[in-house]
N, C-alpha and C. Protein backbone atom coordinates (compact mmCIF):
# COMPACT_ATOMS: atom_id res chain seq x y z
N MET A 1 29.25 26.99 58.22
CA MET A 1 27.93 26.19 57.51
C MET A 1 27.81 25.42 58.58
N TYR A 2 28.47 24.92 59.62
CA TYR A 2 28.33 23.93 60.57
C TYR A 2 27.24 25.17 61.76
N GLY A 3 28.26 26.56 62.22
CA GLY A 3 27.29 27.65 62.56
C GLY A 3 26.07 27.33 62.55
N THR A 4 25.68 27.55 60.95
CA THR A 4 24.29 28.02 60.62
C THR A 4 23.29 26.71 60.70
N ILE A 5 23.41 25.86 60.85
CA ILE A 5 22.91 24.82 60.76
C ILE A 5 23.01 24.79 62.61
N ARG A 6 23.81 24.38 63.21
CA ARG A 6 23.79 24.94 64.49
C ARG A 6 22.62 26.00 65.17
N ALA A 7 22.90 26.94 64.68
CA ALA A 7 21.78 28.35 65.30
C ALA A 7 20.16 28.22 64.92
N SER A 8 19.96 27.32 63.86
CA SER A 8 18.88 26.67 62.82
C SER A 8 18.17 26.17 64.03
N LEU A 9 19.33 24.77 64.78
CA LEU A 9 18.48 24.62 65.88
C LEU A 9 18.59 24.36 66.35
N ASP A 10 18.90 25.26 67.10
CA ASP A 10 18.95 26.57 68.15
C ASP A 10 17.36 27.03 68.53
N TYR A 11 17.81 27.75 67.50
CA TYR A 11 15.98 28.49 67.07
C TYR A 11 15.19 27.58 66.89
N PHE A 12 15.30 26.44 66.51
CA PHE A 12 13.88 24.89 67.06
C PHE A 12 14.21 24.71 68.20
N GLY A 13 15.46 24.35 69.01
CA GLY A 13 15.47 23.48 70.24
C GLY A 13 15.55 22.44 70.09
N ARG A 14 14.97 21.57 71.01
CA ARG A 14 15.37 19.98 71.60
C ARG A 14 14.65 19.48 70.19
N GLY A 15 13.66 20.34 69.63
CA GLY A 15 12.71 19.39 68.92
C GLY A 15 13.91 19.40 67.42
N GLY A 16 14.35 20.32 67.22
CA GLY A 16 15.25 20.53 66.04
C GLY A 16 15.77 19.43 66.02
N MET A 17 16.98 19.17 67.11
CA MET A 17 17.48 17.47 67.26
C MET A 17 16.42 16.40 67.05
N LYS A 18 15.79 16.35 67.37
CA LYS A 18 15.27 14.94 67.22
C LYS A 18 15.13 14.82 65.10
N LEU A 19 14.56 15.83 65.17
CA LEU A 19 14.20 15.89 64.03
C LEU A 19 15.40 15.68 62.59
N LEU A 20 16.53 16.42 63.28
CA LEU A 20 17.68 15.69 62.75
C LEU A 20 17.99 14.70 63.15
N ARG A 21 17.67 13.88 64.13
CA ARG A 21 18.62 12.82 64.96
C ARG A 21 17.36 11.55 64.15
N SER A 22 15.45 12.05 63.84
CA SER A 22 15.31 11.13 62.15
C SER A 22 15.78 11.15 61.21
N LEU A 23 15.95 12.50 60.87
CA LEU A 23 16.40 12.62 58.94
C LEU A 23 17.64 12.13 59.16
N ILE A 24 18.63 11.89 59.44
CA ILE A 24 19.41 10.79 59.34
C ILE A 24 19.78 9.40 59.29
N ILE A 25 18.83 9.14 60.62
CA ILE A 25 18.18 7.51 60.31
C ILE A 25 17.34 7.21 59.00
N GLY A 26 16.73 8.29 58.69
CA GLY A 26 15.61 7.92 58.01
C GLY A 26 16.41 7.81 56.39
N LEU A 27 17.43 8.87 56.15
CA LEU A 27 18.17 8.43 55.25
C LEU A 27 19.13 6.81 54.86
N PHE A 28 19.85 6.86 56.61
CA PHE A 28 20.42 6.17 56.31
C PHE A 28 19.77 4.70 56.04
N VAL A 29 18.19 4.69 56.55
CA VAL A 29 17.76 3.09 57.04
C VAL A 29 17.48 3.27 54.53
N LEU A 30 16.54 4.55 54.08
CA LEU A 30 16.47 4.25 52.95
C LEU A 30 17.83 4.07 51.92
N SER A 31 19.36 4.75 52.55
CA SER A 31 20.27 3.83 51.67
C SER A 31 20.76 3.03 52.08
N PHE A 32 20.20 1.94 52.50
CA PHE A 32 20.19 0.46 52.57
C PHE A 32 19.21 -0.31 52.02
N LEU A 33 18.00 0.29 51.92
CA LEU A 33 16.30 -0.55 51.14
C LEU A 33 16.87 -0.66 49.69
N GLY A 34 17.96 -0.05 48.40
CA GLY A 34 17.96 -0.27 47.68
C GLY A 34 19.40 -0.86 47.26
N CYS A 35 20.38 -1.62 48.23
CA CYS A 35 21.33 -2.56 48.45
C CYS A 35 20.18 -3.87 48.43
N VAL A 36 19.43 -3.84 48.81
CA VAL A 36 18.87 -5.47 49.29
C VAL A 36 19.78 -6.24 47.98
N PRO A 37 19.60 -7.36 47.90
CA PRO A 37 19.92 -8.07 46.85
C PRO A 37 18.16 -8.63 46.36
N GLU A 38 18.49 -8.94 45.17
CA GLU A 38 17.47 -9.00 44.52
C GLU A 38 17.29 -10.88 44.07
N LYS A 39 16.00 -10.94 44.25
CA LYS A 39 16.07 -12.81 44.88
C LYS A 39 16.03 -13.50 43.52
N GLU A 40 17.30 -14.24 43.80
CA GLU A 40 17.71 -15.39 42.05
C GLU A 40 16.74 -16.35 41.93
N ILE A 41 15.59 -16.31 40.73
CA ILE A 41 15.51 -17.66 40.37
C ILE A 41 16.09 -18.96 40.21
N ILE A 42 15.82 -19.86 40.49
CA ILE A 42 16.16 -21.33 40.00
C ILE A 42 15.72 -21.68 39.48
N VAL A 43 16.14 -22.41 38.56
CA VAL A 43 15.02 -23.06 37.38
C VAL A 43 15.33 -24.99 38.08
N PRO A 44 14.53 -25.18 37.76
CA PRO A 44 14.18 -27.13 37.92
C PRO A 44 15.35 -27.82 37.30
N ASP A 45 15.87 -28.60 38.04
CA ASP A 45 16.82 -29.53 37.08
C ASP A 45 16.02 -29.82 35.68
N GLU A 46 14.69 -30.64 36.25
CA GLU A 46 14.11 -31.59 34.97
C GLU A 46 14.29 -30.26 33.91
N LEU A 47 14.12 -29.18 33.84
CA LEU A 47 13.84 -27.93 32.80
C LEU A 47 15.39 -27.51 32.44
N ILE A 48 16.15 -28.00 33.10
CA ILE A 48 17.75 -27.39 32.30
C ILE A 48 17.89 -28.20 31.34
N GLY A 49 18.95 -27.75 30.25
CA GLY A 49 19.32 -28.58 29.02
C GLY A 49 18.39 -27.30 27.83
N LEU A 50 19.49 -27.96 27.01
CA LEU A 50 18.54 -27.88 25.74
C LEU A 50 17.30 -28.06 24.90
N TRP A 51 16.24 -27.89 24.59
CA TRP A 51 15.48 -28.50 24.05
C TRP A 51 15.07 -27.49 22.46
N SER A 52 14.53 -28.67 21.79
CA SER A 52 14.68 -28.79 20.18
C SER A 52 13.55 -29.60 19.59
N THR A 53 12.71 -29.48 18.64
CA THR A 53 11.59 -30.31 17.73
C THR A 53 11.85 -30.54 16.90
N SER A 54 10.80 -31.49 16.56
CA SER A 54 10.98 -32.14 15.02
C SER A 54 10.18 -31.80 14.22
N ALA A 55 9.49 -30.99 14.53
CA ALA A 55 8.15 -30.89 13.81
C ALA A 55 9.78 -29.31 12.76
N SER A 56 9.13 -29.55 11.70
CA SER A 56 9.73 -28.88 10.25
C SER A 56 9.32 -27.27 10.66
N ARG A 57 8.58 -26.95 10.62
CA ARG A 57 8.44 -25.61 11.26
C ARG A 57 9.51 -24.85 11.87
N TYR A 58 9.49 -25.56 12.70
CA TYR A 58 11.46 -24.89 14.00
C TYR A 58 12.12 -26.04 14.11
N ALA A 59 12.41 -26.44 13.16
CA ALA A 59 13.54 -27.44 12.44
C ALA A 59 14.81 -26.74 13.01
N ASP A 60 15.08 -25.76 12.59
CA ASP A 60 16.38 -24.79 13.34
C ASP A 60 15.98 -23.78 14.77
N ARG A 61 14.64 -24.02 15.56
CA ARG A 61 14.27 -23.08 16.42
C ARG A 61 14.86 -24.38 17.83
N HIS A 62 15.94 -23.68 18.32
CA HIS A 62 16.12 -23.75 19.57
C HIS A 62 15.48 -23.28 21.10
N PHE A 63 15.65 -23.30 22.47
CA PHE A 63 15.49 -23.13 23.63
C PHE A 63 16.31 -23.78 24.63
N GLU A 64 17.20 -22.96 25.98
CA GLU A 64 17.88 -23.67 26.44
C GLU A 64 17.40 -23.05 28.11
N PHE A 65 17.34 -23.70 29.04
CA PHE A 65 17.41 -22.80 29.58
C PHE A 65 18.39 -23.51 31.20
N THR A 66 19.24 -22.59 31.79
CA THR A 66 20.37 -22.70 32.57
C THR A 66 19.75 -22.72 34.14
N LYS A 67 20.71 -22.31 35.29
CA LYS A 67 20.27 -21.91 36.70
C LYS A 67 19.33 -21.48 36.92
N ASN A 68 19.23 -20.17 36.01
CA ASN A 68 18.84 -18.76 35.65
C ASN A 68 18.39 -17.90 34.82
N MET A 69 19.02 -18.41 33.18
CA MET A 69 18.39 -17.47 31.90
C MET A 69 17.74 -18.83 30.87
N LEU A 70 16.99 -17.46 30.69
CA LEU A 70 16.30 -18.54 29.70
C LEU A 70 16.98 -18.14 28.33
N ILE A 71 17.36 -18.85 27.18
CA ILE A 71 17.94 -18.97 25.88
C ILE A 71 17.01 -18.62 24.60
N PHE A 72 17.28 -17.71 23.69
CA PHE A 72 16.34 -18.92 22.69
C PHE A 72 18.01 -18.89 21.58
N LYS A 73 17.29 -19.74 20.56
CA LYS A 73 18.15 -19.65 19.62
C LYS A 73 17.79 -19.91 18.50
N VAL A 74 18.23 -20.28 16.83
CA VAL A 74 18.31 -20.37 16.10
C VAL A 74 19.49 -20.83 15.15
N GLY A 75 19.48 -22.41 14.93
CA GLY A 75 20.57 -22.72 14.28
C GLY A 75 22.15 -23.18 15.76
N ASP A 76 22.76 -22.41 15.39
CA ASP A 76 23.66 -22.84 16.71
C ASP A 76 24.46 -21.09 17.26
N GLU A 77 23.35 -20.31 16.50
CA GLU A 77 23.12 -18.55 17.32
C GLU A 77 22.55 -18.05 18.53
N GLU A 78 22.69 -17.94 19.40
CA GLU A 78 21.87 -16.81 20.64
C GLU A 78 21.30 -15.89 20.13
N THR A 79 19.34 -16.22 19.97
CA THR A 79 19.03 -14.18 19.85
C THR A 79 18.64 -13.94 20.57
N GLY A 80 18.22 -14.25 21.82
CA GLY A 80 18.12 -13.79 22.63
C GLY A 80 18.83 -14.57 24.17
N VAL A 81 19.07 -14.07 25.17
CA VAL A 81 19.67 -14.22 26.56
C VAL A 81 18.99 -13.54 27.73
N HIS A 82 17.97 -14.12 28.65
CA HIS A 82 17.29 -13.10 29.22
C HIS A 82 17.53 -13.91 30.46
N LYS A 83 17.55 -13.24 31.86
CA LYS A 83 17.49 -14.00 32.91
C LYS A 83 16.24 -13.64 33.90
N ILE A 84 15.91 -15.04 33.88
CA ILE A 84 14.05 -15.22 34.15
C ILE A 84 14.05 -14.66 35.42
N LYS A 85 13.23 -13.97 35.88
CA LYS A 85 12.33 -12.84 37.08
C LYS A 85 11.59 -13.73 37.94
N GLU A 86 10.76 -14.38 37.84
CA GLU A 86 9.69 -15.23 38.30
C GLU A 86 9.23 -16.29 37.54
N LEU A 87 9.33 -17.46 37.95
CA LEU A 87 8.80 -19.18 37.96
C LEU A 87 7.93 -19.08 38.81
N GLU A 88 6.97 -19.31 37.38
CA GLU A 88 5.39 -19.70 38.48
C GLU A 88 5.50 -21.64 38.18
N ARG A 89 4.54 -22.34 39.51
CA ARG A 89 5.04 -23.82 38.67
C ARG A 89 3.71 -24.31 39.72
N SER A 90 2.87 -25.20 38.79
CA SER A 90 1.76 -25.18 39.06
C SER A 90 1.45 -27.00 38.55
N GLY A 91 0.67 -28.40 39.05
CA GLY A 91 0.68 -29.30 37.95
C GLY A 91 -0.22 -30.14 38.89
N ASP A 92 -0.38 -31.18 38.17
CA ASP A 92 -1.31 -32.44 38.78
C ASP A 92 -1.02 -33.72 38.71
N GLY A 93 0.48 -34.24 38.57
CA GLY A 93 1.16 -35.34 38.57
C GLY A 93 1.25 -35.85 37.11
N ASN A 94 0.79 -35.48 36.38
CA ASN A 94 0.48 -36.11 34.59
C ASN A 94 1.50 -34.89 34.09
N ALA A 95 2.02 -33.79 34.41
CA ALA A 95 1.96 -32.73 34.29
C ALA A 95 2.78 -31.66 35.13
N THR A 96 3.47 -30.85 34.54
CA THR A 96 3.25 -29.25 35.06
C THR A 96 3.02 -28.48 34.93
N TRP A 97 2.30 -27.02 34.62
CA TRP A 97 2.64 -26.05 34.28
C TRP A 97 3.45 -24.83 34.53
N TYR A 98 4.46 -24.55 33.85
CA TYR A 98 5.34 -23.40 34.36
C TYR A 98 4.32 -21.85 33.42
N THR A 99 4.94 -20.97 33.89
CA THR A 99 5.10 -19.25 33.64
C THR A 99 6.20 -19.48 33.91
N VAL A 100 7.32 -18.73 32.47
CA VAL A 100 8.18 -17.93 33.24
C VAL A 100 8.74 -16.60 32.70
N THR A 101 8.57 -15.72 33.71
CA THR A 101 8.69 -14.56 33.53
C THR A 101 10.46 -14.06 33.51
N TYR A 102 10.17 -13.27 31.89
CA TYR A 102 11.38 -12.98 31.95
C TYR A 102 11.54 -11.62 31.18
N LEU A 103 13.06 -10.80 31.38
CA LEU A 103 12.99 -9.69 30.87
C LEU A 103 13.84 -9.11 29.79
N SER A 104 13.28 -8.64 28.89
CA SER A 104 13.23 -8.29 27.30
C SER A 104 13.82 -6.77 26.87
N LEU A 105 15.15 -6.48 27.24
CA LEU A 105 14.59 -4.75 26.72
C LEU A 105 13.96 -4.09 27.69
N GLY A 106 13.75 -4.09 28.73
CA GLY A 106 13.61 -3.83 29.87
C GLY A 106 11.67 -4.03 30.05
N GLU A 107 11.73 -5.05 29.14
CA GLU A 107 9.51 -5.31 28.86
C GLU A 107 9.91 -6.24 30.13
N LYS A 108 8.78 -7.36 30.56
CA LYS A 108 8.51 -8.34 31.21
C LYS A 108 7.88 -9.36 30.19
N TYR A 109 8.38 -10.40 29.56
CA TYR A 109 7.80 -11.70 28.68
C TYR A 109 7.31 -12.60 29.20
N LYS A 110 6.47 -13.18 28.94
CA LYS A 110 6.23 -14.37 29.81
C LYS A 110 6.33 -15.83 28.68
N PHE A 111 7.17 -16.98 29.06
CA PHE A 111 7.16 -17.80 27.99
C PHE A 111 6.14 -19.49 28.68
N SER A 112 4.70 -19.28 28.98
CA SER A 112 3.83 -20.11 29.73
C SER A 112 4.25 -21.72 28.04
N PHE A 113 4.37 -23.34 29.16
CA PHE A 113 4.65 -23.68 28.64
C PHE A 113 4.22 -25.71 30.03
N SER A 114 3.27 -26.56 29.35
CA SER A 114 3.37 -27.80 29.92
C SER A 114 4.81 -28.60 29.71
N TYR A 115 5.39 -29.64 30.68
CA TYR A 115 6.39 -30.84 30.97
C TYR A 115 5.78 -31.39 31.23
N TYR A 116 6.05 -32.61 30.94
CA TYR A 116 5.35 -34.30 30.49
C TYR A 116 7.39 -34.88 31.03
N PRO A 117 6.97 -35.50 32.21
CA PRO A 117 7.81 -36.25 32.42
C PRO A 117 8.74 -37.31 32.34
N ALA A 118 7.35 -38.14 31.10
CA ALA A 118 8.11 -39.25 30.37
C ALA A 118 8.67 -39.09 29.85
N ASN A 119 10.11 -40.05 29.32
CA ASN A 119 10.66 -39.83 27.68
C ASN A 119 11.85 -38.62 28.50
N ASP A 120 12.39 -38.56 29.24
CA ASP A 120 12.99 -37.48 29.98
C ASP A 120 12.62 -36.31 29.76
N GLY A 121 11.51 -36.24 29.23
CA GLY A 121 11.16 -35.31 29.58
C GLY A 121 10.44 -34.19 28.42
N ILE A 122 8.76 -33.74 28.25
CA ILE A 122 8.69 -33.37 26.53
C ILE A 122 7.39 -31.89 27.36
N ILE A 123 7.44 -30.75 26.55
CA ILE A 123 7.88 -29.65 26.60
C ILE A 123 6.37 -29.29 25.42
N THR A 124 5.62 -28.81 26.03
CA THR A 124 4.48 -28.19 24.73
C THR A 124 4.32 -26.63 25.16
N ILE A 125 4.57 -26.03 24.19
CA ILE A 125 4.12 -24.50 24.79
C ILE A 125 2.59 -23.96 24.61
N VAL A 126 1.81 -23.17 25.23
CA VAL A 126 0.55 -22.85 25.15
C VAL A 126 0.31 -22.86 23.75
N ASN A 127 1.01 -22.03 22.79
CA ASN A 127 0.10 -21.41 21.60
C ASN A 127 0.42 -22.40 20.41
N GLN A 128 1.87 -23.07 21.22
CA GLN A 128 2.18 -24.64 20.03
C GLN A 128 1.87 -25.56 20.45
N ALA A 129 0.43 -26.30 21.42
CA ALA A 129 0.10 -27.84 22.25
C ALA A 129 0.96 -28.70 21.04
N ASN A 130 0.07 -28.62 19.69
CA ASN A 130 0.64 -29.61 18.78
C ASN A 130 1.76 -30.38 18.86
N VAL A 131 3.07 -28.68 18.90
CA VAL A 131 4.34 -28.83 18.60
C VAL A 131 4.80 -29.87 20.33
N GLN A 132 5.67 -30.95 19.99
CA GLN A 132 6.46 -31.24 20.79
C GLN A 132 7.62 -30.88 21.22
N TRP A 133 8.41 -30.66 22.59
CA TRP A 133 9.85 -30.51 22.19
C TRP A 133 11.00 -31.34 23.20
N ALA A 134 11.68 -31.38 22.78
CA ALA A 134 12.23 -32.71 23.81
C ALA A 134 13.67 -32.36 24.09
N ARG A 135 13.98 -32.73 24.82
CA ARG A 135 15.50 -32.31 25.98
C ARG A 135 17.01 -32.83 24.52
N VAL A 136 17.45 -32.32 24.36
CA VAL A 136 18.96 -32.10 23.41
C VAL A 136 19.72 -33.27 24.54
N ASN A 137 20.00 -34.81 24.27
CA ASN A 137 21.19 -35.41 24.84
C ASN A 137 22.73 -34.50 24.17
N ASN A 138 23.19 -34.63 25.10
CA ASN A 138 24.80 -33.50 25.12
C ASN A 138 25.83 -35.26 24.59
């Protein structure tokens, strides 16, 4: 087999050797592109913890932020554990607006909310502005 490759390269002359060398270097570089580690998203300390509300409609619902995960719960049961892929943040001093992008079953979803720092933090979810979520003290 080596003789066949060598004969083919001899046919193309020096250009063939350059082509082979470029091809090998290109494959080597491409193999390392897939090895680049994914950027880890770190959740700010102000959000880390378990959050719940006193609103009767969501009394048994909770969500929790860890260092890089968003976990939805019903009662004590985890109904979704999701790795955070992106975290966007903006604010005006009174509140900070967050949009957390996470994956669930291969699909991207967004969880958008406002965080108010008073009283150990209050979160209001964008589509539930009248419901306040407070951190549960452990």
